């Protein structure tokens, strides 16, 4: 795909690693952004890298009114002498799964990934190098046809913005407190829970707000039909160590197929350990915890990579894991995945996509 590159004449201040520690995740953005247009009958065209700035949008754009908007999240790292992205092919494939569900025209995964890589090259000076830091990459697609009829748009914009980030949770690997939500519902099978569409996250905000006011960092969602089976945490997948095995809820149509989730499973299995994907009821977990068989819990996602759980509250049942300390298995998984991302551990899986 041919691409125009227009570099900014007013470069911004690049935050130092120390400054990143005091910046809220995803609030500072680089000098440039990627834009690609779509028109029905013409396809995706006019890829261009331009100075970061406001996007013009008609007030009647149907994406504003009907939520025809999807996104992805991945990271670029400085790994030794190279700039790399972690498994971006998986993100492009998942983006097309979201496109299909949301009636958005598919992208050419290889070509689109290369345009994103070019944006990262242009703003490579923004990639921090301190431990726990990275350049967050946010591709997204929104419908922009000005029409109020309830039907799929005929025009779209693909865009990508970049943000230098530090730790997602200020405490880093300090175990977090999670609240189990059994009142509100985030997603149901047959819906859009398996996609990264904007509405999924808006639907989760009220519960997240209430949990935060009660002193909890995240919400753990149960299935929408019976409010019985564990699904995922607000922005991450969830894992448990039960009877010495790593266990995570199976993909059932309402759980996001996380790239970090997939990586955790593959890493654990490469060690010769069991990593099972299956239905897990909240009652089963509570019983296993009471019997001392559920010893660790952690979340996995692009933003935080691995986040240990120290406390899980379900109704009046407060489950404490590993005395609120990070467990040995959780630590080993974190060290392996972050080591691969930064080049400290050999990439035996072939997960790194070299940008430069």
Protein backbone atom coordinates (compact mmCIF):
# COMPACT_ATOMS: atom_id res chain seq x y z
CA UNK A 1 0.00 0.00 0.00
CA UNK A 2 1.45 3.35 -1.06
CA UNK A 3 1.77 5.83 1.77
CA UNK A 4 2.23 9.57 2.15
CA UNK A 5 4.32 10.72 5.12
CA UNK A 6 3.88 14.28 6.33
CA UNK A 7 6.12 14.99 9.30
CA UNK A 8 5.23 17.51 11.96
CA UNK A 9 6.92 20.90 12.06
CA UNK A 10 6.13 21.24 15.77
CA UNK A 11 7.51 18.17 17.58
CA UNK A 12 6.30 17.71 21.15
CA UNK A 13 8.25 17.02 24.32
CA UNK A 14 9.05 13.33 24.68
CA UNK A 15 8.57 12.31 28.32
CA UNK A 16 11.50 10.73 30.10
CA UNK A 17 11.15 7.36 31.78
CA UNK A 18 10.93 9.12 35.14
CA UNK A 19 8.16 11.38 33.85
CA UNK A 20 6.22 8.38 32.53
CA UNK A 21 5.91 7.10 36.08
CA UNK A 22 3.68 10.03 36.95
CA UNK A 23 1.59 10.03 33.78
CA UNK A 24 -1.75 8.24 33.62
CA UNK A 25 -1.71 5.36 31.12
CA UNK A 26 -2.71 6.48 27.63
CA UNK A 27 -2.87 10.25 28.10
CA UNK A 28 0.27 11.40 26.23
CA UNK A 29 0.53 10.81 22.48
CA UNK A 30 3.32 10.91 19.92
CA UNK A 31 3.83 13.40 17.08
CA UNK A 32 2.10 11.44 14.31
CA UNK A 33 -0.88 9.25 13.49
CA UNK A 34 -1.86 6.90 10.68
CA UNK A 35 -5.04 7.40 8.63
CA UNK A 36 -6.52 5.13 5.90
CA UNK A 37 -9.87 5.78 4.20
CA UNK A 38 -12.53 3.36 2.99
CA UNK A 39 -15.29 3.93 0.45
CA UNK A 40 -17.62 1.15 -0.66
CA UNK A 41 -16.63 0.12 -4.19
CA UNK A 42 -13.11 1.51 -3.86
CA UNK A 43 -11.87 -0.25 -0.75
CA UNK A 44 -9.16 0.90 1.67
CA UNK A 45 -7.02 3.65 0.15
CA UNK A 46 -4.93 6.79 0.73
CA UNK A 47 -2.79 5.54 3.61
CA UNK A 48 -0.97 8.47 5.16
CA UNK A 49 1.04 9.38 8.24
CA UNK A 50 0.26 12.91 9.36
CA UNK A 51 0.85 15.10 12.42
CA UNK A 52 -1.23 14.01 15.42
CA UNK A 53 -4.32 16.16 15.81
CA UNK A 54 -8.12 16.37 15.86
CA UNK A 55 -10.13 14.34 13.35
CA UNK A 56 -12.95 16.03 11.43
CA UNK A 57 -16.24 14.15 11.81
CA UNK A 58 -19.76 14.93 10.59
CA UNK A 59 -22.25 15.18 13.48
CA UNK A 60 -24.42 12.62 11.68
CA UNK A 61 -21.60 10.07 11.35
CA UNK A 62 -23.33 6.78 12.09
CA UNK A 63 -20.41 5.53 14.17
CA UNK A 64 -21.23 8.24 16.71
CA UNK A 65 -24.86 7.20 16.90
CA UNK A 66 -24.78 3.42 16.53
CA UNK A 67 -21.38 2.41 17.85
CA UNK A 68 -19.93 0.92 14.68
CA UNK A 69 -16.39 1.21 16.04
CA UNK A 70 -13.71 -1.35 16.86
CA UNK A 71 -10.14 -1.14 18.10
CA UNK A 72 -7.03 -3.11 19.00
CA UNK A 73 -4.19 -2.70 21.46
CA UNK A 74 -0.58 -3.83 21.13
CA UNK A 75 2.87 -2.62 22.10
CA UNK A 76 6.24 -1.79 20.56
CA UNK A 77 9.43 -2.28 22.57
CA UNK A 78 13.11 -1.59 22.41
CA UNK A 79 14.60 -5.07 22.46
CA UNK A 80 18.38 -4.87 22.63
CA UNK A 81 19.37 -3.11 19.38
CA UNK A 82 15.99 -3.48 17.66
CA UNK A 83 12.48 -2.09 17.77
CA UNK A 84 9.89 -4.87 17.87
CA UNK A 85 6.17 -5.42 18.26
CA UNK A 86 4.79 -8.38 20.18
CA UNK A 87 2.67 -10.77 18.07
CA UNK A 88 0.99 -8.02 16.00
CA UNK A 89 -0.21 -10.55 13.41
CA UNK A 90 -2.56 -11.86 16.10
CA UNK A 91 -4.00 -8.39 16.61
CA UNK A 92 -4.59 -7.91 12.88
CA UNK A 93 -6.38 -11.27 12.67
CA UNK A 94 -8.53 -10.43 15.69
CA UNK A 95 -9.31 -7.02 14.21
CA UNK A 96 -10.79 -8.77 11.18
CA UNK A 97 -12.89 -10.96 13.47
CA UNK A 98 -14.25 -7.79 15.04
CA UNK A 99 -14.80 -6.29 11.58
CA UNK A 100 -16.84 -9.29 10.51
CA UNK A 101 -19.11 -9.13 13.57
CA UNK A 102 -19.59 -5.35 13.34
CA UNK A 103 -20.23 -5.19 9.56
CA UNK A 104 -16.97 -3.35 8.87
CA UNK A 105 -15.02 -4.18 5.69
CA UNK A 106 -11.98 -6.37 6.39
CA UNK A 107 -8.46 -5.00 6.29
CA UNK A 108 -5.54 -6.53 4.43
CA UNK A 109 -3.74 -7.82 7.51
CA UNK A 110 -0.20 -7.85 6.10
CA UNK A 111 -0.38 -4.46 4.38
CA UNK A 112 -2.09 -2.81 7.32
CA UNK A 113 0.48 -4.16 9.75
CA UNK A 114 3.27 -2.70 7.64
CA UNK A 115 1.62 0.75 7.67
CA UNK A 116 1.45 0.54 11.46
CA UNK A 117 5.10 -0.51 11.58
CA UNK A 118 5.99 2.53 9.48
CA UNK A 119 4.21 4.80 11.95
CA UNK A 120 6.22 3.21 14.77
CA UNK A 121 9.43 3.83 12.77
CA UNK A 122 8.53 7.48 12.26
CA UNK A 123 7.95 7.97 15.99
CA UNK A 124 10.54 5.48 17.23
CA UNK A 125 12.23 8.18 19.34
CA UNK A 126 9.16 8.01 21.59
CA UNK A 127 9.71 4.37 22.58
CA UNK A 128 10.85 4.33 26.22
CA UNK A 129 13.45 1.82 27.36
CA UNK A 130 13.07 1.63 31.15
CA UNK A 131 11.74 -1.64 32.62
CA UNK A 132 7.96 -1.84 32.48
CA UNK A 133 7.63 0.81 29.76
CA UNK A 134 6.63 0.53 26.10
CA UNK A 135 5.00 2.33 23.20
CA UNK A 136 1.30 1.49 23.22
CA UNK A 137 -0.17 1.11 19.72
CA UNK A 138 -3.91 1.75 19.28
CA UNK A 139 -5.38 0.94 15.83
CA UNK A 140 -9.12 1.61 15.44
CA UNK A 141 -11.82 1.77 12.78
CA UNK A 142 -14.92 3.92 12.93
CA UNK A 143 -17.91 4.42 10.63
CA UNK A 144 -18.15 7.97 9.33
CA UNK A 145 -20.97 8.01 6.77
CA UNK A 146 -23.37 10.87 7.67
CA UNK A 147 -26.64 8.95 7.81
CA UNK A 148 -29.13 8.26 10.60
CA UNK A 149 -30.68 5.19 9.00
CA UNK A 150 -29.84 2.09 11.04
CA UNK A 151 -27.65 0.19 8.60
CA UNK A 152 -23.92 -0.45 8.13
CA UNK A 153 -21.92 2.54 7.00
CA UNK A 154 -20.51 2.70 3.49
CA UNK A 155 -17.49 4.75 4.51
CA UNK A 156 -14.94 4.21 7.28
CA UNK A 157 -11.67 5.50 8.66
CA UNK A 158 -8.85 3.32 9.92
CA UNK A 159 -6.54 5.20 12.27
CA UNK A 160 -3.65 4.40 14.58
CA UNK A 161 -2.25 6.50 17.40
CA UNK A 162 0.73 5.85 19.68
CA UNK A 163 1.27 6.52 23.38
CA UNK A 164 4.43 6.04 25.45
CA UNK A 165 3.34 4.26 28.62
CA UNK A 166 4.62 3.08 31.94
CA UNK A 167 2.97 0.54 34.21
CA UNK A 168 -0.80 0.11 33.74
CA UNK A 169 -1.28 -0.24 37.49
CA UNK A 170 0.83 2.17 39.54
CA UNK A 171 1.72 -0.63 41.94
CA UNK A 172 3.23 -2.71 39.15
CA UNK A 173 3.34 -6.35 40.20
CA UNK A 174 1.76 -5.64 43.58
CA UNK A 175 -1.32 -7.93 43.71
CA UNK A 176 -4.60 -6.15 43.05
CA UNK A 177 -8.07 -6.41 44.56
CA UNK A 178 -10.84 -7.65 42.25
CA UNK A 179 -14.61 -7.43 42.75
CA UNK A 180 -16.83 -10.19 41.32
CA UNK A 181 -19.82 -8.62 39.55
CA UNK A 182 -23.02 -10.66 39.70
CA UNK A 183 -25.55 -7.88 39.18
CA UNK A 184 -24.66 -6.16 35.91
CA UNK A 185 -23.97 -8.04 32.67
CA UNK A 186 -21.21 -7.20 30.19
CA UNK A 187 -21.81 -9.70 27.37
CA UNK A 188 -23.75 -12.80 26.36
CA UNK A 189 -23.08 -15.56 23.86
CA UNK A 190 -24.18 -14.50 20.42
CA UNK A 191 -23.43 -10.88 21.21
CA UNK A 192 -20.21 -8.91 20.75
CA UNK A 193 -18.25 -10.01 23.83
CA UNK A 194 -15.55 -11.70 21.74
CA UNK A 195 -14.85 -8.51 19.78
CA UNK A 196 -13.02 -5.33 20.73
CA UNK A 197 -15.93 -3.03 20.00
CA UNK A 198 -16.47 0.21 21.86
CA UNK A 199 -19.85 -0.73 23.32
CA UNK A 200 -18.43 -3.63 25.33
CA UNK A 201 -16.28 -1.26 27.32
CA UNK A 202 -18.97 1.38 27.80
CA UNK A 203 -21.27 -1.33 29.21
CA UNK A 204 -18.64 -2.20 31.80
CA UNK A 205 -17.97 1.29 33.11
CA UNK A 206 -20.77 1.59 35.68
CA UNK A 207 -19.70 -1.58 37.46
CA UNK A 208 -16.05 -0.56 37.23
CA UNK A 209 -16.87 2.84 38.74
CA UNK A 210 -18.76 1.30 41.65
CA UNK A 211 -16.01 -1.23 42.28
CA UNK A 212 -13.41 1.54 42.27
CA UNK A 213 -15.39 3.51 44.82
CA UNK A 214 -15.36 0.40 47.03
CA UNK A 215 -11.57 0.11 46.77
CA UNK A 216 -11.25 -2.50 44.02
CA UNK A 217 -8.99 -2.16 40.98
CA UNK A 218 -11.01 -4.26 38.53
CA UNK A 219 -14.28 -6.13 38.03
CA UNK A 220 -14.52 -9.86 37.31
CA UNK A 221 -17.50 -10.62 35.08
CA UNK A 222 -19.65 -13.73 35.25
CA UNK A 223 -21.59 -15.15 32.32
CA UNK A 224 -24.61 -13.13 31.26
CA UNK A 225 -27.10 -15.99 31.23
CA UNK A 226 -26.72 -17.67 34.63
CA UNK A 227 -24.29 -15.32 36.45
CA UNK A 228 -22.50 -18.51 37.42
CA UNK A 229 -19.41 -19.03 35.29
CA UNK A 230 -16.27 -16.88 35.39
CA UNK A 231 -15.56 -15.00 32.17
CA UNK A 232 -13.00 -12.17 32.23
CA UNK A 233 -11.82 -9.08 34.06
CA UNK A 234 -12.76 -5.66 32.65
CA UNK A 235 -9.78 -5.21 30.33
CA UNK A 236 -8.00 -8.54 30.74
CA UNK A 237 -8.40 -12.30 30.77
CA UNK A 238 -8.11 -14.19 34.06
CA UNK A 239 -6.14 -17.26 35.17
CA UNK A 240 -5.99 -19.39 38.30
CA UNK A 241 -3.56 -21.99 39.62
CA UNK A 242 -5.77 -24.84 40.88
CA UNK A 243 -4.32 -28.17 41.98
CA UNK A 244 -1.01 -27.12 40.46
CA UNK A 245 -2.55 -26.51 37.01
CA UNK A 246 -2.97 -23.17 35.23
CA UNK A 247 -6.67 -22.79 34.41
CA UNK A 248 -8.52 -20.12 32.43
CA UNK A 249 -12.14 -19.81 31.21
CA UNK A 250 -12.66 -21.34 27.79
CA UNK A 251 -13.53 -19.11 24.85
CA UNK A 252 -17.29 -19.31 24.50
CA UNK A 253 -18.31 -16.40 22.27
CA UNK A 254 -18.54 -13.80 25.03
CA UNK A 255 -14.87 -13.75 26.11
CA UNK A 256 -12.14 -11.86 24.27
CA UNK A 257 -9.47 -14.05 22.71
CA UNK A 258 -6.57 -12.19 24.28
CA UNK A 259 -3.14 -12.25 22.66
CA UNK A 260 -1.47 -12.28 26.07
CA UNK A 261 -3.92 -15.00 27.15
CA UNK A 262 -2.83 -17.15 24.23
CA UNK A 263 0.82 -16.43 25.02
CA UNK A 264 0.42 -17.47 28.67
CA UNK A 265 -1.11 -20.80 27.63
CA UNK A 266 1.64 -21.49 25.11
CA UNK A 267 4.42 -20.55 27.54
CA UNK A 268 3.03 -22.73 30.33
CA UNK A 269 2.61 -25.72 28.02
CA UNK A 270 6.15 -25.26 26.73
CA UNK A 271 7.33 -25.87 30.32
CA UNK A 272 5.51 -29.21 30.42
CA UNK A 273 2.83 -27.85 32.77
CA UNK A 274 -0.91 -28.21 32.31
CA UNK A 275 -2.75 -25.16 31.01
CA UNK A 276 -6.44 -25.90 30.74
CA UNK A 277 -9.19 -23.89 29.07
CA UNK A 278 -12.54 -24.87 30.57
CA UNK A 279 -15.68 -23.58 32.23
CA UNK A 280 -15.03 -22.48 35.82
CA UNK A 281 -17.91 -21.57 38.08
CA UNK A 282 -17.40 -18.96 40.77
CA UNK A 283 -18.63 -21.52 43.30
CA UNK A 284 -15.99 -24.03 42.15
CA UNK A 285 -13.32 -21.39 42.63
CA UNK A 286 -14.61 -20.47 46.09
CA UNK A 287 -14.63 -24.14 47.11
CA UNK A 288 -11.13 -24.73 45.72
CA UNK A 289 -9.87 -21.67 47.56
CA UNK A 290 -11.45 -22.77 50.84
CA UNK A 291 -9.82 -26.19 50.47
CA UNK A 292 -6.41 -24.66 49.73
CA UNK A 293 -6.34 -25.93 46.13
CA UNK A 294 -6.62 -22.52 44.43
CA UNK A 295 -3.26 -20.97 45.23
CA UNK A 296 -2.73 -18.18 42.70
CA UNK A 297 -4.79 -15.86 40.51
CA UNK A 298 -3.69 -13.34 37.90
CA UNK A 299 -4.91 -11.27 34.96
CA UNK A 300 -3.32 -11.16 31.51
CA UNK A 301 -3.62 -8.42 28.89
CA UNK A 302 -1.61 -6.16 26.62
CA UNK A 303 -1.72 -3.10 28.88
CA UNK A 304 -0.56 -4.72 32.13
CA UNK A 305 0.91 -7.93 30.61
CA UNK A 306 0.50 -9.89 33.88
CA UNK A 307 -1.24 -8.53 36.96
CA UNK A 308 -1.35 -10.76 40.08
CA UNK A 309 -4.54 -10.87 42.13
CA UNK A 310 -4.23 -10.72 45.89
CA UNK A 311 -7.91 -10.53 46.80
CA UNK A 312 -11.12 -11.59 45.07
CA UNK A 313 -14.44 -10.58 46.65
CA UNK A 314 -17.60 -12.48 45.72
CA UNK A 315 -20.59 -11.39 47.77
CA UNK A 316 -19.52 -11.97 51.40
CA UNK A 317 -16.72 -14.34 50.43
CA UNK A 318 -13.26 -12.72 50.38
CA UNK A 319 -10.64 -14.97 48.79
CA UNK A 320 -7.01 -14.14 49.59
CA UNK A 321 -4.39 -15.61 47.26
CA UNK A 322 -0.82 -16.37 48.34
CA UNK A 323 -1.01 -14.04 51.33
CA UNK A 324 -1.52 -11.12 48.91
CA UNK A 325 1.92 -11.73 47.35
CA UNK A 326 2.76 -12.63 43.78
CA UNK A 327 2.91 -16.41 43.34
CA UNK A 328 5.85 -18.34 41.91
CA UNK A 329 3.99 -19.42 38.76
CA UNK A 330 2.66 -15.93 38.11
CA UNK A 331 6.14 -14.43 38.53
CA UNK A 332 7.68 -17.01 36.21
CA UNK A 333 5.09 -16.31 33.49
CA UNK A 334 5.61 -12.55 33.83
CA UNK A 335 9.40 -12.92 33.61
CA UNK A 336 9.17 -15.15 30.53
CA UNK A 337 6.76 -13.01 28.51
CA UNK A 338 8.27 -9.63 29.38
CA UNK A 339 11.72 -11.11 28.83
CA UNK A 340 10.77 -12.13 25.30
CA UNK A 341 9.22 -8.71 24.64
CA UNK A 342 12.38 -6.86 25.64
CA UNK A 343 14.92 -9.30 24.22
CA UNK A 344 16.21 -10.47 27.61
CA UNK A 345 14.84 -13.98 26.97
CA UNK A 346 15.33 -15.78 23.61
CA UNK A 347 12.23 -15.66 21.41
CA UNK A 348 11.92 -19.40 20.82
CA UNK A 349 8.29 -18.96 19.72
CA UNK A 350 9.00 -16.46 16.93
CA UNK A 351 6.63 -13.91 18.44
CA UNK A 352 8.58 -10.70 17.81
CA UNK A 353 7.88 -8.66 14.68
CA UNK A 354 10.95 -6.61 13.85
CA UNK A 355 10.14 -3.00 13.03
CA UNK A 356 13.71 -1.71 12.69
